[in-house]
Amino acid sequence: MTQRTRKLLGTVLILLSIVVWGWLGTFLYMQFFAGLPPLGLIAFFAVAGGSWFFPAAGIIRWMSKPA
């Protein structure tokens, strides 16, 4: 697979992962964390938002491999 194709596919995967990660975070919030006090919600959204970095970093690492 050429690097150009890998970058195109990686971009699509990152965009898809944003949608899936947002859906998952919303689902978890609605099912388990909706009744938390404000500081608990801040912690939940900080962790949920920050942990998106790990799947995105893996996709970016894969995209940047030489051809």
PDB file of N, CA and C in Angstrom:
ATOM      1  N   MET A   1       0.855  -1.162   0.000  1.00  0.00           N
ATOM      2  CA  MET A   1       0.000   0.000   0.000  1.00  0.00           C
ATOM      3  C   MET A   1       0.910   1.236   0.000  1.00  0.00           C
ATOM      4  N   THR A   2       0.627   2.146  -0.869  1.00  0.00           N
ATOM      5  CA  THR A   2       1.441   3.355  -0.933  1.00  0.00           C
ATOM      6  C   THR A   2       1.137   4.261   0.256  1.00  0.00           C
ATOM      7  N   GLN A   3       2.064   5.156   0.529  1.00  0.00           N
ATOM      8  CA  GLN A   3       1.872   6.063   1.652  1.00  0.00           C
ATOM      9  C   GLN A   3       0.692   7.004   1.396  1.00  0.00           C
ATOM     10  N   ARG A   4       0.491   7.376   0.166  1.00  0.00           N
ATOM     11  CA  ARG A   4      -0.635   8.257  -0.165  1.00  0.00           C
ATOM     12  C   ARG A   4      -1.968   7.570   0.150  1.00  0.00           C
ATOM     13  N   THR A   5      -2.090   6.300  -0.217  1.00  0.00           N
ATOM     14  CA  THR A   5      -3.306   5.545   0.074  1.00  0.00           C
ATOM     15  C   THR A   5      -3.479   5.355   1.581  1.00  0.00           C
ATOM     16  N   ARG A   6      -2.358   5.080   2.261  1.00  0.00           N
ATOM     17  CA  ARG A   6      -2.416   4.886   3.708  1.00  0.00           C
ATOM     18  C   ARG A   6      -2.858   6.175   4.410  1.00  0.00           C
ATOM     19  N   LYS A   7      -2.406   7.327   3.922  1.00  0.00           N
ATOM     20  CA  LYS A   7      -2.822   8.596   4.519  1.00  0.00           C
ATOM     21  C   LYS A   7      -4.301   8.870   4.277  1.00  0.00           C
ATOM     22  N   LEU A   8      -4.780   8.546   3.090  1.00  0.00           N
ATOM     23  CA  LEU A   8      -6.208   8.729   2.810  1.00  0.00           C
ATOM     24  C   LEU A   8      -7.047   7.833   3.719  1.00  0.00           C
ATOM     25  N   LEU A   9      -6.682   6.566   3.799  1.00  0.00           N
ATOM     26  CA  LEU A   9      -7.408   5.631   4.645  1.00  0.00           C
ATOM     27  C   LEU A   9      -7.301   6.028   6.123  1.00  0.00           C
ATOM     28  N   GLY A  10      -6.128   6.477   6.546  1.00  0.00           N
ATOM     29  CA  GLY A  10      -5.940   6.913   7.920  1.00  0.00           C
ATOM     30  C   GLY A  10      -6.790   8.125   8.263  1.00  0.00           C
ATOM     31  N   THR A  11      -6.919   9.062   7.321  1.00  0.00           N
ATOM     32  CA  THR A  11      -7.762  10.232   7.547  1.00  0.00           C
ATOM     33  C   THR A  11      -9.214   9.821   7.722  1.00  0.00           C
ATOM     34  N   VAL A  12      -9.680   8.908   6.895  1.00  0.00           N
ATOM     35  CA  VAL A  12     -11.052   8.410   7.019  1.00  0.00           C
ATOM     36  C   VAL A  12     -11.224   7.687   8.353  1.00  0.00           C
ATOM     37  N   LEU A  13     -10.229   6.894   8.754  1.00  0.00           N
ATOM     38  CA  LEU A  13     -10.316   6.176  10.025  1.00  0.00           C
ATOM     39  C   LEU A  13     -10.332   7.139  11.214  1.00  0.00           C
ATOM     40  N   ILE A  14      -9.548   8.201  11.151  1.00  0.00           N
ATOM     41  CA  ILE A  14      -9.555   9.177  12.243  1.00  0.00           C
ATOM     42  C   ILE A  14     -10.917   9.856  12.335  1.00  0.00           C
ATOM     43  N   LEU A  15     -11.477  10.258  11.204  1.00  0.00           N
ATOM     44  CA  LEU A  15     -12.798  10.885  11.225  1.00  0.00           C
ATOM     45  C   LEU A  15     -13.857   9.927  11.759  1.00  0.00           C
ATOM     46  N   LEU A  16     -13.781   8.674  11.343  1.00  0.00           N
ATOM     47  CA  LEU A  16     -14.714   7.662  11.841  1.00  0.00           C
ATOM     48  C   LEU A  16     -14.528   7.430  13.344  1.00  0.00           C
ATOM     49  N   SER A  17     -13.279   7.426  13.787  1.00  0.00           N
ATOM     50  CA  SER A  17     -13.034   7.213  15.214  1.00  0.00           C
ATOM     51  C   SER A  17     -13.556   8.379  16.045  1.00  0.00           C
ATOM     52  N   ILE A  18     -13.538   9.595  15.507  1.00  0.00           N
ATOM     53  CA  ILE A  18     -14.112  10.736  16.224  1.00  0.00           C
ATOM     54  C   ILE A  18     -15.606  10.513  16.449  1.00  0.00           C
ATOM     55  N   VAL A  19     -16.291  10.054  15.416  1.00  0.00           N
ATOM     56  CA  VAL A  19     -17.730   9.799  15.534  1.00  0.00           C
ATOM     57  C   VAL A  19     -17.995   8.679  16.532  1.00  0.00           C
ATOM     58  N   VAL A  20     -17.254   7.583  16.426  1.00  0.00           N
ATOM     59  CA  VAL A  20     -17.459   6.446  17.325  1.00  0.00           C
ATOM     60  C   VAL A  20     -17.111   6.831  18.763  1.00  0.00           C
ATOM     61  N   TRP A  21     -16.010   7.552  18.959  1.00  0.00           N
ATOM     62  CA  TRP A  21     -15.603   7.956  20.298  1.00  0.00           C
ATOM     63  C   TRP A  21     -16.641   8.891  20.914  1.00  0.00           C
ATOM     64  N   GLY A  22     -17.187   9.809  20.124  1.00  0.00           N
ATOM     65  CA  GLY A  22     -18.240  10.696  20.611  1.00  0.00           C
ATOM     66  C   GLY A  22     -19.497   9.936  20.990  1.00  0.00           C
ATOM     67  N   TRP A  23     -19.875   8.980  20.154  1.00  0.00           N
ATOM     68  CA  TRP A  23     -21.050   8.158  20.460  1.00  0.00           C
ATOM     69  C   TRP A  23     -20.818   7.360  21.734  1.00  0.00           C
ATOM     70  N   LEU A  24     -19.648   6.762  21.870  1.00  0.00           N
ATOM     71  CA  LEU A  24     -19.340   5.956  23.048  1.00  0.00           C
ATOM     72  C   LEU A  24     -19.335   6.817  24.315  1.00  0.00           C
ATOM     73  N   GLY A  25     -18.726   7.981  24.240  1.00  0.00           N
ATOM     74  CA  GLY A  25     -18.713   8.878  25.394  1.00  0.00           C
ATOM     75  C   GLY A  25     -20.114   9.320  25.787  1.00  0.00           C
ATOM     76  N   THR A  26     -20.952   9.624  24.800  1.00  0.00           N
ATOM     77  CA  THR A  26     -22.332  10.014  25.077  1.00  0.00           C
ATOM     78  C   THR A  26     -23.111   8.861  25.686  1.00  0.00           C
ATOM     79  N   PHE A  27     -22.921   7.665  25.156  1.00  0.00           N
ATOM     80  CA  PHE A  27     -23.599   6.483  25.690  1.00  0.00           C
ATOM     81  C   PHE A  27     -23.203   6.242  27.152  1.00  0.00           C
ATOM     82  N   LEU A  28     -21.904   6.281  27.426  1.00  0.00           N
ATOM     83  CA  LEU A  28     -21.452   6.063  28.803  1.00  0.00           C
ATOM     84  C   LEU A  28     -21.990   7.138  29.739  1.00  0.00           C
ATOM     85  N   TYR A  29     -21.986   8.373  29.275  1.00  0.00           N
ATOM     86  CA  TYR A  29     -22.520   9.461  30.098  1.00  0.00           C
ATOM     87  C   TYR A  29     -23.995   9.240  30.410  1.00  0.00           C
ATOM     88  N   MET A  30     -24.768   8.924  29.398  1.00  0.00           N
ATOM     89  CA  MET A  30     -26.215   8.764  29.596  1.00  0.00           C
ATOM     90  C   MET A  30     -26.545   7.546  30.460  1.00  0.00           C
ATOM     91  N   GLN A  31     -25.769   6.479  30.350  1.00  0.00           N
ATOM     92  CA  GLN A  31     -26.066   5.254  31.093  1.00  0.00           C
ATOM     93  C   GLN A  31     -25.556   5.273  32.527  1.00  0.00           C
ATOM     94  N   PHE A  32     -24.377   5.873  32.758  1.00  0.00           N
ATOM     95  CA  PHE A  32     -23.738   5.701  34.056  1.00  0.00           C
ATOM     96  C   PHE A  32     -23.394   6.995  34.793  1.00  0.00           C
ATOM     97  N   PHE A  33     -23.158   8.078  34.091  1.00  0.00           N
ATOM     98  CA  PHE A  33     -22.579   9.254  34.730  1.00  0.00           C
ATOM     99  C   PHE A  33     -23.473  10.483  34.733  1.00  0.00           C
ATOM    100  N   ALA A  34     -24.708  10.369  34.331  1.00  0.00           N
ATOM    101  CA  ALA A  34     -25.583  11.540  34.209  1.00  0.00           C
ATOM    102  C   ALA A  34     -25.862  12.196  35.554  1.00  0.00           C
ATOM    103  N   GLY A  35     -25.848  11.465  36.626  1.00  0.00           N
ATOM    104  CA  GLY A  35     -26.190  12.023  37.920  1.00  0.00           C
ATOM    105  C   GLY A  35     -25.004  12.508  38.739  1.00  0.00           C
ATOM    106  N   LEU A  36     -23.840  12.553  38.156  1.00  0.00           N
ATOM    107  CA  LEU A  36     -22.656  12.963  38.912  1.00  0.00           C
ATOM    108  C   LEU A  36     -22.706  14.448  39.252  1.00  0.00           C
ATOM    109  N   PRO A  37     -22.049  14.822  40.334  1.00  0.00           N
ATOM    110  CA  PRO A  37     -21.924  16.254  40.623  1.00  0.00           C
ATOM    111  C   PRO A  37     -21.015  16.923  39.580  1.00  0.00           C
ATOM    112  N   PRO A  38     -21.023  18.248  39.512  1.00  0.00           N
ATOM    113  CA  PRO A  38     -20.264  18.947  38.470  1.00  0.00           C
ATOM    114  C   PRO A  38     -18.779  18.584  38.395  1.00  0.00           C
ATOM    115  N   LEU A  39     -18.109  18.421  39.521  1.00  0.00           N
ATOM    116  CA  LEU A  39     -16.687  18.055  39.461  1.00  0.00           C
ATOM    117  C   LEU A  39     -16.489  16.644  38.911  1.00  0.00           C
ATOM    118  N   GLY A  40     -17.404  15.758  39.204  1.00  0.00           N
ATOM    119  CA  GLY A  40     -17.340  14.417  38.632  1.00  0.00           C
ATOM    120  C   GLY A  40     -17.538  14.446  37.130  1.00  0.00           C
ATOM    121  N   LEU A  41     -18.434  15.294  36.662  1.00  0.00           N
ATOM    122  CA  LEU A  41     -18.652  15.424  35.221  1.00  0.00           C
ATOM    123  C   LEU A  41     -17.428  16.008  34.528  1.00  0.00           C
ATOM    124  N   ILE A  42     -16.798  16.986  35.161  1.00  0.00           N
ATOM    125  CA  ILE A  42     -15.577  17.554  34.586  1.00  0.00           C
ATOM    126  C   ILE A  42     -14.513  16.472  34.462  1.00  0.00           C
ATOM    127  N   ALA A  43     -14.368  15.654  35.491  1.00  0.00           N
ATOM    128  CA  ALA A  43     -13.380  14.571  35.444  1.00  0.00           C
ATOM    129  C   ALA A  43     -13.729  13.556  34.358  1.00  0.00           C
ATOM    130  N   PHE A  44     -15.006  13.188  34.265  1.00  0.00           N
ATOM    131  CA  PHE A  44     -15.409  12.220  33.239  1.00  0.00           C
ATOM    132  C   PHE A  44     -15.108  12.740  31.841  1.00  0.00           C
ATOM    133  N   PHE A  45     -15.520  13.976  31.565  1.00  0.00           N
ATOM    134  CA  PHE A  45     -15.311  14.507  30.221  1.00  0.00           C
ATOM    135  C   PHE A  45     -13.838  14.775  29.927  1.00  0.00           C
ATOM    136  N   ALA A  46     -13.047  15.100  30.944  1.00  0.00           N
ATOM    137  CA  ALA A  46     -11.608  15.266  30.738  1.00  0.00           C
ATOM    138  C   ALA A  46     -10.959  13.933  30.360  1.00  0.00           C
ATOM    139  N   VAL A  47     -11.336  12.884  31.065  1.00  0.00           N
ATOM    140  CA  VAL A  47     -10.774  11.562  30.767  1.00  0.00           C
ATOM    141  C   VAL A  47     -11.278  11.063  29.416  1.00  0.00           C
ATOM    142  N   ALA A  48     -12.563  11.199  29.162  1.00  0.00           N
ATOM    143  CA  ALA A  48     -13.138  10.726  27.896  1.00  0.00           C
ATOM    144  C   ALA A  48     -12.560  11.500  26.712  1.00  0.00           C
ATOM    145  N   GLY A  49     -12.403  12.792  26.869  1.00  0.00           N
ATOM    146  CA  GLY A  49     -11.851  13.598  25.784  1.00  0.00           C
ATOM    147  C   GLY A  49     -10.369  13.370  25.583  1.00  0.00           C
ATOM    148  N   GLY A  50      -9.637  13.215  26.657  1.00  0.00           N
ATOM    149  CA  GLY A  50      -8.197  13.015  26.549  1.00  0.00           C
ATOM    150  C   GLY A  50      -7.808  11.624  26.086  1.00  0.00           C
ATOM    151  N   SER A  51      -8.622  10.647  26.396  1.00  0.00           N
ATOM    152  CA  SER A  51      -8.260   9.275  26.020  1.00  0.00           C
ATOM    153  C   SER A  51      -8.453   9.001  24.530  1.00  0.00           C
ATOM    154  N   TRP A  52      -9.085   9.915  23.817  1.00  0.00           N
ATOM    155  CA  TRP A  52      -9.215   9.768  22.367  1.00  0.00           C
ATOM    156  C   TRP A  52      -7.849   9.829  21.698  1.00  0.00           C
ATOM    157  N   PHE A  53      -6.875  10.396  22.379  1.00  0.00           N
ATOM    158  CA  PHE A  53      -5.532  10.525  21.837  1.00  0.00           C
ATOM    159  C   PHE A  53      -4.915   9.171  21.487  1.00  0.00           C
ATOM    160  N   PHE A  54      -5.168   8.157  22.283  1.00  0.00           N
ATOM    161  CA  PHE A  54      -4.481   6.879  22.096  1.00  0.00           C
ATOM    162  C   PHE A  54      -4.862   6.165  20.804  1.00  0.00           C
ATOM    163  N   PRO A  55      -6.146   6.028  20.454  1.00  0.00           N
ATOM    164  CA  PRO A  55      -6.429   5.416  19.151  1.00  0.00           C
ATOM    165  C   PRO A  55      -5.981   6.305  17.988  1.00  0.00           C
ATOM    166  N   ALA A  56      -6.091   7.620  18.139  1.00  0.00           N
ATOM    167  CA  ALA A  56      -5.666   8.516  17.059  1.00  0.00           C
ATOM    168  C   ALA A  56      -4.155   8.441  16.852  1.00  0.00           C
ATOM    169  N   ALA A  57      -3.404   8.324  17.939  1.00  0.00           N
ATOM    170  CA  ALA A  57      -1.948   8.223  17.826  1.00  0.00           C
ATOM    171  C   ALA A  57      -1.544   6.942  17.098  1.00  0.00           C
ATOM    172  N   GLY A  58      -2.239   5.857  17.369  1.00  0.00           N
ATOM    173  CA  GLY A  58      -1.948   4.611  16.656  1.00  0.00           C
ATOM    174  C   GLY A  58      -2.219   4.720  15.167  1.00  0.00           C
ATOM    175  N   ILE A  59      -3.318   5.377  14.814  1.00  0.00           N
ATOM    176  CA  ILE A  59      -3.656   5.553  13.394  1.00  0.00           C
ATOM    177  C   ILE A  59      -2.622   6.454  12.728  1.00  0.00           C
ATOM    178  N   ILE A  60      -2.234   7.534  13.397  1.00  0.00           N
ATOM    179  CA  ILE A  60      -1.237   8.455  12.825  1.00  0.00           C
ATOM    180  C   ILE A  60       0.112   7.769  12.679  1.00  0.00           C
ATOM    181  N   ARG A  61       0.481   6.954  13.654  1.00  0.00           N
ATOM    182  CA  ARG A  61       1.745   6.211  13.566  1.00  0.00           C
ATOM    183  C   ARG A  61       1.721   5.269  12.349  1.00  0.00           C
ATOM    184  N   TRP A  62       0.582   4.603  12.147  1.00  0.00           N
ATOM    185  CA  TRP A  62       0.451   3.710  10.996  1.00  0.00           C
ATOM    186  C   TRP A  62       0.510   4.494   9.683  1.00  0.00           C
ATOM    187  N   MET A  63      -0.123   5.668   9.659  1.00  0.00           N
ATOM    188  CA  MET A  63      -0.141   6.480   8.446  1.00  0.00           C
ATOM    189  C   MET A  63       1.247   6.948   8.050  1.00  0.00           C
ATOM    190  N   SER A  64       2.102   7.214   9.019  1.00  0.00           N
ATOM    191  CA  SER A  64       3.392   7.824   8.717  1.00  0.00           C
ATOM    192  C   SER A  64       4.496   6.813   8.399  1.00  0.00           C
ATOM    193  N   LYS A  65       4.175   5.547   8.387  1.00  0.00           N
ATOM    194  CA  LYS A  65       5.191   4.537   8.034  1.00  0.00           C
ATOM    195  C   LYS A  65       5.656   4.762   6.599  1.00  0.00           C
ATOM    196  N   PRO A  66       6.929   4.547   6.346  1.00  0.00           N
ATOM    197  CA  PRO A  66       7.388   4.691   4.962  1.00  0.00           C
ATOM    198  C   PRO A  66       6.799   3.611   4.059  1.00  0.00           C
ATOM    199  N   ALA A  67       6.700   3.953   2.804  1.00  0.00           N
ATOM    200  CA  ALA A  67       6.079   3.038   1.826  1.00  0.00           C
ATOM    201  C   ALA A  67       6.856   1.796   1.584  1.00  0.00           C
TER     202      ALA A  67
END
